[in-house]
Amino acid sequence: MSPRAPGLRLPRSWLALLVATGLASGLAGGAAVAWLEAGPETATVAGSAPAPTDAVPLNRLTVAPLVARVAPAVVNVAVLQASPYAQNPLLRDPYYRFFLGVPDEALAPRISAGSGFVVDAARGLVVTNHHVVENARAIAVGLGDRQVEAEFLGSDPATDIAVLRIPARGLKQIPLGDSDRTRVGDYVVAIGNPFEVGQTVTAGIVSALRAPSEGGPRYVQTDAPINPGNSGGPLINMRGEAIGVNSAIIAPGGGNVGIGLAVPSRVTRQVVERISHVTLDR
């Protein structure tokens, strides 16, 4: 039978220290378990407020209510324009056309498309771009599933704003906001008819506020996707106001690269009121 190991004896002070340490460890572990089980809603850091767990409620992570309110006021603009070939007197001669290889069909009028929006429902006033309706022989405005003929009231090439009038029956309008209060970083929505695919909604932010160049107007720059066909459509803030009229894009490859330019609503209001002789609601 092997000898028994001698027992280890500790002073009473050491025993008391071990008991106290074990008790403290148990309390700390229990507190940690309680903190984990409580979840992030009640978890706090010493000396700080509870950490937010739902900064943006899920029912607000959508612009659908905003779009439903303003989209009926956005229109498609179809324009009948003379062919550029028809402006050349030489090409009106069939012999020259045959010699130059220009088919007769090239002289036929062409149809282009853009966007616009109603700014005064009672009077049927529609805003679009000057370059959309320039040299138009006829203009048709698409409202949902119906089209109406539009009257050209006038345009301002310097600001690229044009004003049309359509029959004021059951129209919705988008108010012009104050573009001077627009800030870089504001959320915006663009609505239009890109590439003639039908009404399309895109979203982004105000990327910059560009100063005038060569005497032209200021521009609101946005990264909300804008493509050919969006011209003349509204750039809308989160209050449902148009703070710009989509007018141009910087597109080295011919498509959207996230740099769209809109004519500020302050400039738009001045042009519309001057052409229509109507004071728009504020």
C-alpha atoms as a PDB file:
ATOM      1  CA  MET A   1       0.000   0.000   0.000  1.00  0.00           C
ATOM      2  CA  SER A   2       1.552   3.216  -1.166  1.00  0.00           C
ATOM      3  CA  PRO A   3       2.105   5.986   1.315  1.00  0.00           C
ATOM      4  CA  ARG A   4      -0.586   8.664   1.375  1.00  0.00           C
ATOM      5  CA  ALA A   5       0.328  12.150   0.190  1.00  0.00           C
ATOM      6  CA  PRO A   6       0.558  14.542   3.066  1.00  0.00           C
ATOM      7  CA  GLY A   7      -2.391  16.987   3.303  1.00  0.00           C
ATOM      8  CA  LEU A   8      -1.933  20.639   2.228  1.00  0.00           C
ATOM      9  CA  ARG A   9      -2.810  23.149   4.879  1.00  0.00           C
ATOM     10  CA  LEU A  10      -3.424  26.879   4.080  1.00  0.00           C
ATOM     11  CA  PRO A  11      -3.655  29.742   6.471  1.00  0.00           C
ATOM     12  CA  ARG A  12      -7.196  30.868   7.298  1.00  0.00           C
ATOM     13  CA  SER A  13      -6.582  34.229   5.561  1.00  0.00           C
ATOM     14  CA  TRP A  14      -5.931  32.469   2.247  1.00  0.00           C
ATOM     15  CA  LEU A  15      -9.098  30.399   2.601  1.00  0.00           C
ATOM     16  CA  ALA A  16     -11.125  33.546   3.123  1.00  0.00           C
ATOM     17  CA  LEU A  17      -9.537  35.117   0.009  1.00  0.00           C
ATOM     18  CA  LEU A  18     -10.385  32.093  -2.161  1.00  0.00           C
ATOM     19  CA  VAL A  19     -14.009  32.068  -1.024  1.00  0.00           C
ATOM     20  CA  ALA A  20     -14.366  35.789  -1.738  1.00  0.00           C
ATOM     21  CA  THR A  21     -12.793  35.415  -5.175  1.00  0.00           C
ATOM     22  CA  GLY A  22     -15.067  32.531  -6.125  1.00  0.00           C
ATOM     23  CA  LEU A  23     -18.123  34.420  -4.975  1.00  0.00           C
ATOM     24  CA  ALA A  24     -17.135  37.487  -7.019  1.00  0.00           C
ATOM     25  CA  SER A  25     -16.515  35.348 -10.123  1.00  0.00           C
ATOM     26  CA  GLY A  26     -19.913  33.719  -9.774  1.00  0.00           C
ATOM     27  CA  LEU A  27     -21.641  37.058  -9.488  1.00  0.00           C
ATOM     28  CA  ALA A  28     -19.799  38.431 -12.532  1.00  0.00           C
ATOM     29  CA  GLY A  29     -20.617  35.362 -14.615  1.00  0.00           C
ATOM     30  CA  GLY A  30     -24.268  35.532 -13.615  1.00  0.00           C
ATOM     31  CA  ALA A  31     -24.391  39.198 -14.574  1.00  0.00           C
ATOM     32  CA  ALA A  32     -22.840  38.450 -17.985  1.00  0.00           C
ATOM     33  CA  VAL A  33     -25.397  35.710 -18.654  1.00  0.00           C
ATOM     34  CA  ALA A  34     -28.234  38.022 -17.655  1.00  0.00           C
ATOM     35  CA  TRP A  35     -26.864  40.754 -19.977  1.00  0.00           C
ATOM     36  CA  LEU A  36     -26.671  38.362 -22.938  1.00  0.00           C
ATOM     37  CA  GLU A  37     -30.120  36.929 -22.317  1.00  0.00           C
ATOM     38  CA  ALA A  38     -31.636  40.400 -22.043  1.00  0.00           C
ATOM     39  CA  GLY A  39     -30.760  41.107 -25.696  1.00  0.00           C
ATOM     40  CA  PRO A  40     -29.551  44.336 -27.376  1.00  0.00           C
ATOM     41  CA  GLU A  41     -32.767  46.208 -26.532  1.00  0.00           C
ATOM     42  CA  THR A  42     -31.786  46.514 -22.864  1.00  0.00           C
ATOM     43  CA  ALA A  43     -28.010  46.209 -23.170  1.00  0.00           C
ATOM     44  CA  THR A  44     -26.176  49.318 -22.046  1.00  0.00           C
ATOM     45  CA  VAL A  45     -22.622  50.410 -21.701  1.00  0.00           C
ATOM     46  CA  ALA A  46     -21.639  51.939 -18.384  1.00  0.00           C
ATOM     47  CA  GLY A  47     -22.288  55.663 -18.451  1.00  0.00           C
ATOM     48  CA  SER A  48     -24.150  55.671 -21.839  1.00  0.00           C
ATOM     49  CA  ALA A  49     -27.730  55.540 -23.077  1.00  0.00           C
ATOM     50  CA  PRO A  50     -29.254  52.321 -24.510  1.00  0.00           C
ATOM     51  CA  ALA A  51     -27.980  51.564 -28.014  1.00  0.00           C
ATOM     52  CA  PRO A  52     -30.726  52.087 -30.666  1.00  0.00           C
ATOM     53  CA  THR A  53     -31.776  48.870 -32.344  1.00  0.00           C
ATOM     54  CA  ASP A  54     -34.230  50.240 -34.938  1.00  0.00           C
ATOM     55  CA  ALA A  55     -33.009  53.675 -36.049  1.00  0.00           C
ATOM     56  CA  VAL A  56     -35.328  53.609 -39.097  1.00  0.00           C
ATOM     57  CA  PRO A  57     -38.602  51.713 -38.595  1.00  0.00           C
ATOM     58  CA  LEU A  58     -39.171  49.043 -41.214  1.00  0.00           C
ATOM     59  CA  ASN A  59     -42.440  50.611 -42.315  1.00  0.00           C
ATOM     60  CA  ARG A  60     -40.516  53.718 -43.354  1.00  0.00           C
ATOM     61  CA  LEU A  61     -37.933  51.970 -45.529  1.00  0.00           C
ATOM     62  CA  THR A  62     -39.884  52.746 -48.712  1.00  0.00           C
ATOM     63  CA  VAL A  63     -40.768  55.675 -50.943  1.00  0.00           C
ATOM     64  CA  ALA A  64     -43.872  53.914 -52.270  1.00  0.00           C
ATOM     65  CA  PRO A  65     -46.375  56.304 -50.588  1.00  0.00           C
ATOM     66  CA  LEU A  66     -44.467  59.289 -51.992  1.00  0.00           C
ATOM     67  CA  VAL A  67     -44.379  57.810 -55.490  1.00  0.00           C
ATOM     68  CA  ALA A  68     -48.087  56.923 -55.373  1.00  0.00           C
ATOM     69  CA  ARG A  69     -48.866  60.559 -54.582  1.00  0.00           C
ATOM     70  CA  VAL A  70     -46.728  62.262 -57.240  1.00  0.00           C
ATOM     71  CA  ALA A  71     -46.500  59.762 -60.112  1.00  0.00           C
ATOM     72  CA  PRO A  72     -49.954  60.584 -61.592  1.00  0.00           C
ATOM     73  CA  ALA A  73     -48.686  64.127 -62.282  1.00  0.00           C
ATOM     74  CA  VAL A  74     -45.712  62.909 -64.341  1.00  0.00           C
ATOM     75  CA  VAL A  75     -46.377  62.700 -68.086  1.00  0.00           C
ATOM     76  CA  ASN A  76     -44.751  61.331 -71.207  1.00  0.00           C
ATOM     77  CA  VAL A  77     -44.103  63.829 -73.984  1.00  0.00           C
ATOM     78  CA  ALA A  78     -44.141  62.601 -77.606  1.00  0.00           C
ATOM     79  CA  VAL A  79     -42.924  65.076 -80.222  1.00  0.00           C
ATOM     80  CA  LEU A  80     -43.303  64.986 -84.010  1.00  0.00           C
ATOM     81  CA  GLN A  81     -40.275  66.708 -85.540  1.00  0.00           C
ATOM     82  CA  ALA A  82     -39.081  67.331 -89.056  1.00  0.00           C
ATOM     83  CA  SER A  83     -36.228  65.156 -90.257  1.00  0.00           C
ATOM     84  CA  PRO A  84     -32.819  66.866 -90.199  1.00  0.00           C
ATOM     85  CA  TYR A  85     -32.389  65.745 -93.823  1.00  0.00           C
ATOM     86  CA  ALA A  86     -35.507  67.655 -94.808  1.00  0.00           C
ATOM     87  CA  GLN A  87     -33.824  70.909 -93.764  1.00  0.00           C
ATOM     88  CA  ASN A  88     -31.219  70.503 -96.509  1.00  0.00           C
ATOM     89  CA  PRO A  89     -32.561  71.822 -99.843  1.00  0.00           C
ATOM     90  CA  LEU A  90     -30.173  69.612-101.831  1.00  0.00           C
ATOM     91  CA  LEU A  91     -31.537  66.471-100.235  1.00  0.00           C
ATOM     92  CA  ARG A  92     -35.051  67.394-101.296  1.00  0.00           C
ATOM     93  CA  ASP A  93     -33.944  66.566-104.844  1.00  0.00           C
ATOM     94  CA  PRO A  94     -34.329  62.809-105.439  1.00  0.00           C
ATOM     95  CA  TYR A  95     -31.307  62.743-107.766  1.00  0.00           C
ATOM     96  CA  TYR A  96     -29.002  64.154-105.087  1.00  0.00           C
ATOM     97  CA  ARG A  97     -30.415  61.732-102.556  1.00  0.00           C
ATOM     98  CA  PHE A  98     -29.753  58.834-104.911  1.00  0.00           C
ATOM     99  CA  PHE A  99     -26.206  60.071-105.628  1.00  0.00           C
ATOM    100  CA  LEU A 100     -25.472  60.486-101.882  1.00  0.00           C
ATOM    101  CA  GLY A 101     -27.133  57.227-100.921  1.00  0.00           C
ATOM    102  CA  VAL A 102     -29.793  58.832 -98.714  1.00  0.00           C
ATOM    103  CA  PRO A 103     -33.055  56.810 -98.764  1.00  0.00           C
ATOM    104  CA  ASP A 104     -36.371  58.575 -99.257  1.00  0.00           C
ATOM    105  CA  GLU A 105     -37.480  57.396 -95.810  1.00  0.00           C
ATOM    106  CA  ALA A 106     -34.824  59.616 -94.221  1.00  0.00           C
ATOM    107  CA  LEU A 107     -36.959  62.662 -95.067  1.00  0.00           C
ATOM    108  CA  ALA A 108     -39.964  61.373 -93.124  1.00  0.00           C
ATOM    109  CA  PRO A 109     -40.819  63.185 -89.877  1.00  0.00           C
ATOM    110  CA  ARG A 110     -39.482  61.517 -86.759  1.00  0.00           C
ATOM    111  CA  ILE A 111     -40.968  61.006 -83.325  1.00  0.00           C
ATOM    112  CA  SER A 112     -38.936  61.627 -80.192  1.00  0.00           C
ATOM    113  CA  ALA A 113     -39.941  61.238 -76.582  1.00  0.00           C
ATOM    114  CA  GLY A 114     -39.240  62.852 -73.239  1.00  0.00           C
ATOM    115  CA  SER A 115     -40.928  63.512 -69.919  1.00  0.00           C
ATOM    116  CA  GLY A 116     -42.708  66.325 -68.122  1.00  0.00           C
ATOM    117  CA  PHE A 117     -44.959  67.031 -65.150  1.00  0.00           C
ATOM    118  CA  VAL A 118     -48.034  69.058 -64.286  1.00  0.00           C
ATOM    119  CA  VAL A 119     -47.329  72.153 -62.172  1.00  0.00           C
ATOM    120  CA  ASP A 120     -50.816  73.685 -62.314  1.00  0.00           C
ATOM    121  CA  ALA A 121     -53.700  71.198 -62.529  1.00  0.00           C
ATOM    122  CA  ALA A 122     -56.406  73.873 -62.715  1.00  0.00           C
ATOM    123  CA  ARG A 123     -54.883  75.454 -65.824  1.00  0.00           C
ATOM    124  CA  GLY A 124     -53.298  72.330 -67.326  1.00  0.00           C
ATOM    125  CA  LEU A 125     -49.728  73.693 -67.266  1.00  0.00           C
ATOM    126  CA  VAL A 126     -46.986  71.159 -67.960  1.00  0.00           C
ATOM    127  CA  VAL A 127     -43.234  71.697 -67.599  1.00  0.00           C
ATOM    128  CA  THR A 128     -40.674  69.925 -69.783  1.00  0.00           C
ATOM    129  CA  ASN A 129     -37.309  70.690 -71.387  1.00  0.00           C
ATOM    130  CA  HIS A 130     -36.801  73.059 -74.283  1.00  0.00           C
ATOM    131  CA  HIS A 131     -34.658  70.499 -76.088  1.00  0.00           C
ATOM    132  CA  VAL A 132     -37.475  67.931 -75.864  1.00  0.00           C
ATOM    133  CA  VAL A 133     -39.982  70.051 -77.817  1.00  0.00           C
ATOM    134  CA  GLU A 134     -37.625  72.115 -79.959  1.00  0.00           C
ATOM    135  CA  ASN A 135     -38.773  72.379 -83.612  1.00  0.00           C
ATOM    136  CA  ALA A 136     -41.886  70.341 -82.843  1.00  0.00           C
ATOM    137  CA  ARG A 137     -44.619  70.060 -85.451  1.00  0.00           C
ATOM    138  CA  ALA A 138     -47.000  68.464 -82.957  1.00  0.00           C
ATOM    139  CA  ILE A 139     -46.820  67.508 -79.285  1.00  0.00           C
ATOM    140  CA  ALA A 140     -48.788  64.797 -77.498  1.00  0.00           C
ATOM    141  CA  VAL A 141     -48.812  64.297 -73.733  1.00  0.00           C
ATOM    142  CA  GLY A 142     -49.381  60.847 -72.284  1.00  0.00           C
ATOM    143  CA  LEU A 143     -51.410  60.700 -69.068  1.00  0.00           C
ATOM    144  CA  GLY A 144     -51.564  57.126 -67.891  1.00  0.00           C
ATOM    145  CA  ASP A 145     -53.386  55.207 -70.602  1.00  0.00           C
ATOM    146  CA  ARG A 146     -54.594  58.241 -72.575  1.00  0.00           C
ATOM    147  CA  GLN A 147     -52.950  60.834 -74.794  1.00  0.00           C
ATOM    148  CA  VAL A 148     -53.962  64.440 -75.351  1.00  0.00           C
ATOM    149  CA  GLU A 149     -52.692  67.054 -77.758  1.00  0.00           C
ATOM    150  CA  ALA A 150     -50.631  69.750 -76.074  1.00  0.00           C
ATOM    151  CA  GLU A 151     -50.390  73.444 -76.838  1.00  0.00           C
ATOM    152  CA  PHE A 152     -46.891  74.899 -76.884  1.00  0.00           C
ATOM    153  CA  LEU A 153     -46.902  78.091 -74.823  1.00  0.00           C
ATOM    154  CA  GLY A 154     -43.223  78.918 -75.057  1.00  0.00           C
ATOM    155  CA  SER A 155     -39.725  78.007 -73.948  1.00  0.00           C
ATOM    156  CA  ASP A 156     -36.460  79.463 -72.713  1.00  0.00           C
ATOM    157  CA  PRO A 157     -33.426  77.910 -74.439  1.00  0.00           C
ATOM    158  CA  ALA A 158     -31.015  79.472 -71.917  1.00  0.00           C
ATOM    159  CA  THR A 159     -32.537  77.510 -69.016  1.00  0.00           C
ATOM    160  CA  ASP A 160     -33.813  74.575 -71.131  1.00  0.00           C
ATOM    161  CA  ILE A 161     -37.357  74.984 -69.760  1.00  0.00           C
ATOM    162  CA  ALA A 162     -40.524  74.773 -71.877  1.00  0.00           C
ATOM    163  CA  VAL A 163     -44.190  75.164 -70.919  1.00  0.00           C
ATOM    164  CA  LEU A 164     -47.127  73.286 -72.445  1.00  0.00           C
ATOM    165  CA  ARG A 165     -50.861  73.418 -71.836  1.00  0.00           C
ATOM    166  CA  ILE A 166     -53.242  70.471 -71.917  1.00  0.00           C
ATOM    167  CA  PRO A 167     -56.982  70.142 -71.169  1.00  0.00           C
ATOM    168  CA  ALA A 168     -57.401  70.469 -67.396  1.00  0.00           C
ATOM    169  CA  ARG A 169     -59.544  67.429 -66.643  1.00  0.00           C
ATOM    170  CA  GLY A 170     -58.841  65.313 -63.592  1.00  0.00           C
ATOM    171  CA  LEU A 171     -55.188  66.327 -63.395  1.00  0.00           C
ATOM    172  CA  LYS A 172     -52.808  65.962 -60.460  1.00  0.00           C
ATOM    173  CA  GLN A 173     -49.962  68.381 -59.897  1.00  0.00           C
ATOM    174  CA  ILE A 174     -46.536  68.438 -58.268  1.00  0.00           C
ATOM    175  CA  PRO A 175     -45.728  71.640 -56.369  1.00  0.00           C
ATOM    176  CA  LEU A 176     -42.447  73.370 -57.073  1.00  0.00           C
ATOM    177  CA  GLY A 177     -40.321  73.346 -53.926  1.00  0.00           C
ATOM    178  CA  ASP A 178     -37.615  75.756 -52.819  1.00  0.00           C
ATOM    179  CA  SER A 179     -34.385  74.595 -54.437  1.00  0.00           C
ATOM    180  CA  ASP A 180     -32.457  77.192 -52.431  1.00  0.00           C
ATOM    181  CA  ARG A 181     -33.123  75.085 -49.318  1.00  0.00           C
ATOM    182  CA  THR A 182     -31.836  71.907 -50.965  1.00  0.00           C
ATOM    183  CA  ARG A 183     -28.710  70.473 -49.377  1.00  0.00           C
ATOM    184  CA  VAL A 184     -26.103  68.021 -50.580  1.00  0.00           C
ATOM    185  CA  GLY A 185     -27.067  64.641 -49.189  1.00  0.00           C
ATOM    186  CA  ASP A 186     -30.854  65.142 -49.393  1.00  0.00           C
ATOM    187  CA  TYR A 187     -32.713  62.087 -50.678  1.00  0.00           C
ATOM    188  CA  VAL A 188     -34.435  62.573 -54.037  1.00  0.00           C
ATOM    189  CA  VAL A 189     -36.548  60.578 -56.484  1.00  0.00           C
ATOM    190  CA  ALA A 190     -36.563  60.969 -60.279  1.00  0.00           C
ATOM    191  CA  ILE A 191     -39.561  59.915 -62.369  1.00  0.00           C
ATOM    192  CA  GLY A 192     -39.637  59.802 -66.149  1.00  0.00           C
ATOM    193  CA  ASN A 193     -39.706  57.708 -69.307  1.00  0.00           C
ATOM    194  CA  PRO A 194     -36.117  56.531 -69.909  1.00  0.00           C
ATOM    195  CA  PHE A 195     -35.456  54.922 -73.289  1.00  0.00           C
ATOM    196  CA  GLU A 196     -39.241  54.994 -73.865  1.00  0.00           C
ATOM    197  CA  VAL A 197     -39.761  51.953 -71.635  1.00  0.00           C
ATOM    198  CA  GLY A 198     -42.594  53.640 -69.718  1.00  0.00           C
ATOM    199  CA  GLN A 199     -42.811  55.474 -66.429  1.00  0.00           C
ATOM    200  CA  THR A 200     -39.840  54.574 -64.246  1.00  0.00           C
ATOM    201  CA  VAL A 201     -38.821  55.618 -60.731  1.00  0.00           C
ATOM    202  CA  THR A 202     -35.216  55.928 -59.581  1.00  0.00           C
ATOM    203  CA  ALA A 203     -33.795  57.207 -56.302  1.00  0.00           C
ATOM    204  CA  GLY A 204     -30.580  58.740 -54.990  1.00  0.00           C
ATOM    205  CA  ILE A 205     -29.298  61.839 -53.258  1.00  0.00           C
ATOM    206  CA  VAL A 206     -28.346  65.388 -54.158  1.00  0.00           C
ATOM    207  CA  SER A 207     -24.682  64.947 -55.050  1.00  0.00           C
ATOM    208  CA  ALA A 208     -23.723  68.596 -55.557  1.00  0.00           C
ATOM    209  CA  LEU A 209     -25.071  72.078 -56.234  1.00  0.00           C
ATOM    210  CA  ARG A 210     -23.263  73.332 -59.298  1.00  0.00           C
ATOM    211  CA  ALA A 211     -22.562  77.018 -59.874  1.00  0.00           C
ATOM    212  CA  PRO A 212     -23.551  78.595 -63.201  1.00  0.00           C
ATOM    213  CA  SER A 213     -21.129  78.329 -66.098  1.00  0.00           C
ATOM    214  CA  GLU A 214     -20.970  80.926 -68.868  1.00  0.00           C
ATOM    215  CA  GLY A 215     -24.011  82.742 -67.559  1.00  0.00           C
ATOM    216  CA  GLY A 216     -26.206  79.642 -67.419  1.00  0.00           C
ATOM    217  CA  PRO A 217     -28.344  78.513 -64.487  1.00  0.00           C
ATOM    218  CA  ARG A 218     -27.245  76.622 -61.405  1.00  0.00           C
ATOM    219  CA  TYR A 219     -27.756  72.878 -61.530  1.00  0.00           C
ATOM    220  CA  VAL A 220     -28.776  70.337 -58.942  1.00  0.00           C
ATOM    221  CA  GLN A 221     -26.538  67.304 -59.430  1.00  0.00           C
ATOM    222  CA  THR A 222     -27.878  63.897 -58.450  1.00  0.00           C
ATOM    223  CA  ASP A 223     -26.813  60.267 -58.587  1.00  0.00           C
ATOM    224  CA  ALA A 224     -30.419  59.127 -59.055  1.00  0.00           C
ATOM    225  CA  PRO A 225     -30.199  57.268 -62.396  1.00  0.00           C
ATOM    226  CA  ILE A 226     -31.259  59.569 -65.254  1.00  0.00           C
ATOM    227  CA  ASN A 227     -31.141  58.371 -68.857  1.00  0.00           C
ATOM    228  CA  PRO A 228     -32.260  59.587 -72.303  1.00  0.00           C
ATOM    229  CA  GLY A 229     -36.033  60.019 -72.098  1.00  0.00           C
ATOM    230  CA  ASN A 230     -35.927  61.267 -68.497  1.00  0.00           C
ATOM    231  CA  SER A 231     -35.418  64.817 -69.787  1.00  0.00           C
ATOM    232  CA  GLY A 232     -38.154  67.135 -68.543  1.00  0.00           C
ATOM    233  CA  GLY A 233     -39.211  64.905 -65.648  1.00  0.00           C
ATOM    234  CA  PRO A 234     -39.171  66.037 -62.015  1.00  0.00           C
ATOM    235  CA  LEU A 235     -36.501  65.574 -59.372  1.00  0.00           C
ATOM    236  CA  ILE A 236     -38.565  65.213 -56.187  1.00  0.00           C
ATOM    237  CA  ASN A 237     -37.613  65.650 -52.542  1.00  0.00           C
ATOM    238  CA  MET A 238     -39.014  63.633 -49.664  1.00  0.00           C
ATOM    239  CA  ARG A 239     -41.823  66.180 -49.152  1.00  0.00           C
ATOM    240  CA  GLY A 240     -43.200  65.419 -52.600  1.00  0.00           C
ATOM    241  CA  GLU A 241     -41.996  68.712 -54.119  1.00  0.00           C
ATOM    242  CA  ALA A 242     -40.138  69.112 -57.398  1.00  0.00           C
ATOM    243  CA  ILE A 243     -36.809  70.754 -56.595  1.00  0.00           C
ATOM    244  CA  GLY A 244     -35.528  70.383 -60.148  1.00  0.00           C
ATOM    245  CA  VAL A 245     -36.317  69.506 -63.762  1.00  0.00           C
ATOM    246  CA  ASN A 246     -34.070  66.709 -65.059  1.00  0.00           C
ATOM    247  CA  SER A 247     -32.248  68.175 -68.014  1.00  0.00           C
ATOM    248  CA  ALA A 248     -28.882  66.593 -68.796  1.00  0.00           C
ATOM    249  CA  ILE A 249     -26.448  63.815 -67.961  1.00  0.00           C
ATOM    250  CA  ILE A 250     -22.698  63.506 -68.101  1.00  0.00           C
ATOM    251  CA  ALA A 251     -22.304  60.196 -69.886  1.00  0.00           C
ATOM    252  CA  PRO A 252     -18.928  59.385 -71.451  1.00  0.00           C
ATOM    253  CA  GLY A 253     -20.244  55.996 -72.555  1.00  0.00           C
ATOM    254  CA  GLY A 254     -23.670  57.213 -73.636  1.00  0.00           C
ATOM    255  CA  GLY A 255     -25.558  55.890 -70.583  1.00  0.00           C
ATOM    256  CA  ASN A 256     -26.024  56.745 -66.942  1.00  0.00           C
ATOM    257  CA  VAL A 257     -22.873  56.898 -64.829  1.00  0.00           C
ATOM    258  CA  GLY A 258     -24.423  58.581 -61.805  1.00  0.00           C
ATOM    259  CA  ILE A 259     -24.069  62.234 -62.814  1.00  0.00           C
ATOM    260  CA  GLY A 260     -27.436  63.794 -63.643  1.00  0.00           C
ATOM    261  CA  LEU A 261     -28.214  67.510 -63.770  1.00  0.00           C
ATOM    262  CA  ALA A 262     -31.536  69.202 -63.033  1.00  0.00           C
ATOM    263  CA  VAL A 263     -32.616  72.813 -63.507  1.00  0.00           C
ATOM    264  CA  PRO A 264     -33.414  74.183 -60.011  1.00  0.00           C
ATOM    265  CA  SER A 265     -37.080  74.732 -59.197  1.00  0.00           C
ATOM    266  CA  ARG A 266     -36.468  78.406 -58.399  1.00  0.00           C
ATOM    267  CA  VAL A 267     -35.356  78.989 -61.997  1.00  0.00           C
ATOM    268  CA  THR A 268     -38.200  76.822 -63.309  1.00  0.00           C
ATOM    269  CA  ARG A 269     -40.801  78.830 -61.402  1.00  0.00           C
ATOM    270  CA  GLN A 270     -39.523  82.109 -62.835  1.00  0.00           C
ATOM    271  CA  VAL A 271     -39.628  80.806 -66.415  1.00  0.00           C
ATOM    272  CA  VAL A 272     -43.079  79.207 -66.076  1.00  0.00           C
ATOM    273  CA  GLU A 273     -44.623  82.326 -64.537  1.00  0.00           C
ATOM    274  CA  ARG A 274     -43.071  84.558 -67.195  1.00  0.00           C
ATOM    275  CA  ILE A 275     -44.285  82.406 -70.107  1.00  0.00           C
ATOM    276  CA  SER A 276     -47.749  81.527 -68.777  1.00  0.00           C
ATOM    277  CA  HIS A 277     -48.464  84.812 -66.977  1.00  0.00           C
ATOM    278  CA  VAL A 278     -49.667  82.712 -64.038  1.00  0.00           C
ATOM    279  CA  THR A 279     -48.442  82.809 -60.436  1.00  0.00           C
ATOM    280  CA  LEU A 280     -47.884  79.264 -59.254  1.00  0.00           C
ATOM    281  CA  ASP A 281     -48.868  78.080 -55.791  1.00  0.00           C
ATOM    282  CA  ARG A 282     -46.126  78.110 -53.200  1.00  0.00           C
END
